[in-house]
């Protein structure tokens, strides 16, 4: 499953929110330096979809706040798919 997300680093708390346009807003506490925010985004998305961190990959936008994320093991209904 491919997700379009907007990352907001250096936030007070970590959260994942589905927006009306089908995109996700991901807030993380880590700063956008040395890949810290990207790792926090992977952790947050993995927790949101109840999959392992290995199942989440940034496919584009590694150095920007707009990213495309690929999540394996999840169907379109946001339910865990053990396949």
Protein backbone atom coordinates (compact mmCIF):
# COMPACT_ATOMS: atom_id res chain seq x y z
CA UNK A 1 0.00 0.00 0.00
CA UNK A 2 1.40 3.41 -0.97
CA UNK A 3 0.74 6.41 1.25
CA UNK A 4 1.27 10.10 0.59
CA UNK A 5 2.26 11.80 3.81
CA UNK A 6 3.20 15.23 5.12
CA UNK A 7 5.72 15.14 7.96
CA UNK A 8 5.83 17.73 10.70
CA UNK A 9 9.09 17.26 12.63
CA UNK A 10 9.95 18.72 16.04
CA UNK A 11 6.33 18.43 17.26
CA UNK A 12 5.23 18.19 20.88
CA UNK A 13 3.97 14.64 20.36
CA UNK A 14 3.97 11.87 17.75
CA UNK A 15 0.73 11.22 15.88
CA UNK A 16 -0.64 9.91 12.58
CA UNK A 17 -3.78 11.49 11.14
CA UNK A 18 -5.72 10.58 8.00
CA UNK A 19 -6.80 13.77 6.22
CA UNK A 20 -9.94 14.25 4.12
CA UNK A 21 -7.94 14.24 0.88
CA UNK A 22 -6.64 10.72 1.57
CA UNK A 23 -3.18 11.88 2.60
CA UNK A 24 -1.71 11.38 6.06
CA UNK A 25 -0.23 13.96 8.40
CA UNK A 26 2.50 12.52 10.59
CA UNK A 27 3.84 14.55 13.51
CA UNK A 28 7.08 13.39 15.13
CA UNK A 29 9.07 14.73 18.06
CA UNK A 30 12.46 14.26 16.41
CA UNK A 31 14.17 17.02 14.47
CA UNK A 32 14.70 16.72 10.73
CA UNK A 33 18.41 16.09 10.95
CA UNK A 34 20.58 13.05 10.29
CA UNK A 35 17.52 10.97 9.34
CA UNK A 36 16.09 11.04 12.87
CA UNK A 37 12.67 12.26 11.73
CA UNK A 38 12.53 9.64 8.96
CA UNK A 39 13.14 6.84 11.46
CA UNK A 40 10.45 8.28 13.72
CA UNK A 41 8.03 8.41 10.77
CA UNK A 42 8.70 4.74 10.00
CA UNK A 43 8.06 3.84 13.65
CA UNK A 44 4.86 5.90 13.77
CA UNK A 45 3.46 4.44 10.52
CA UNK A 46 4.36 0.89 11.61
CA UNK A 47 2.52 1.42 14.89
CA UNK A 48 -0.49 2.98 13.18
CA UNK A 49 -0.91 0.04 10.79
CA UNK A 50 0.18 -2.59 13.33
CA UNK A 51 3.07 -3.93 11.21
CA UNK A 52 6.79 -4.35 11.86
CA UNK A 53 9.10 -1.46 11.08
CA UNK A 54 10.74 -3.64 8.40
CA UNK A 55 7.40 -3.49 6.52
CA UNK A 56 7.57 0.30 6.09
CA UNK A 57 9.79 1.96 3.49
CA UNK A 58 10.20 5.56 2.31
CA UNK A 59 10.04 5.36 -1.48
CA UNK A 60 10.42 9.07 -2.23
CA UNK A 61 10.92 12.32 -0.38
CA UNK A 62 13.61 11.20 2.06
CA UNK A 63 14.91 14.78 2.32
CA UNK A 64 11.58 16.64 2.16
CA UNK A 65 8.49 16.88 4.33
CA UNK A 66 6.26 15.42 1.58
CA UNK A 67 6.94 11.71 1.32
CA UNK A 68 5.63 8.58 -0.33
CA UNK A 69 5.70 5.59 2.01
CA UNK A 70 5.18 1.95 1.09
CA UNK A 71 3.65 -0.31 3.73
CA UNK A 72 3.67 -4.08 3.26
CA UNK A 73 1.20 -6.44 4.96
CA UNK A 74 -1.74 -4.01 5.06
CA UNK A 75 -4.83 -3.98 2.85
CA UNK A 76 -6.64 -0.81 1.78
CA UNK A 77 -9.03 -0.96 4.77
CA UNK A 78 -6.16 -0.27 7.21
CA UNK A 79 -6.50 -3.79 8.59
CA UNK A 80 -3.58 -6.06 9.28
CA UNK A 81 -3.10 -8.67 6.57
CA UNK A 82 -0.74 -11.46 7.69
CA UNK A 83 0.15 -12.50 4.09
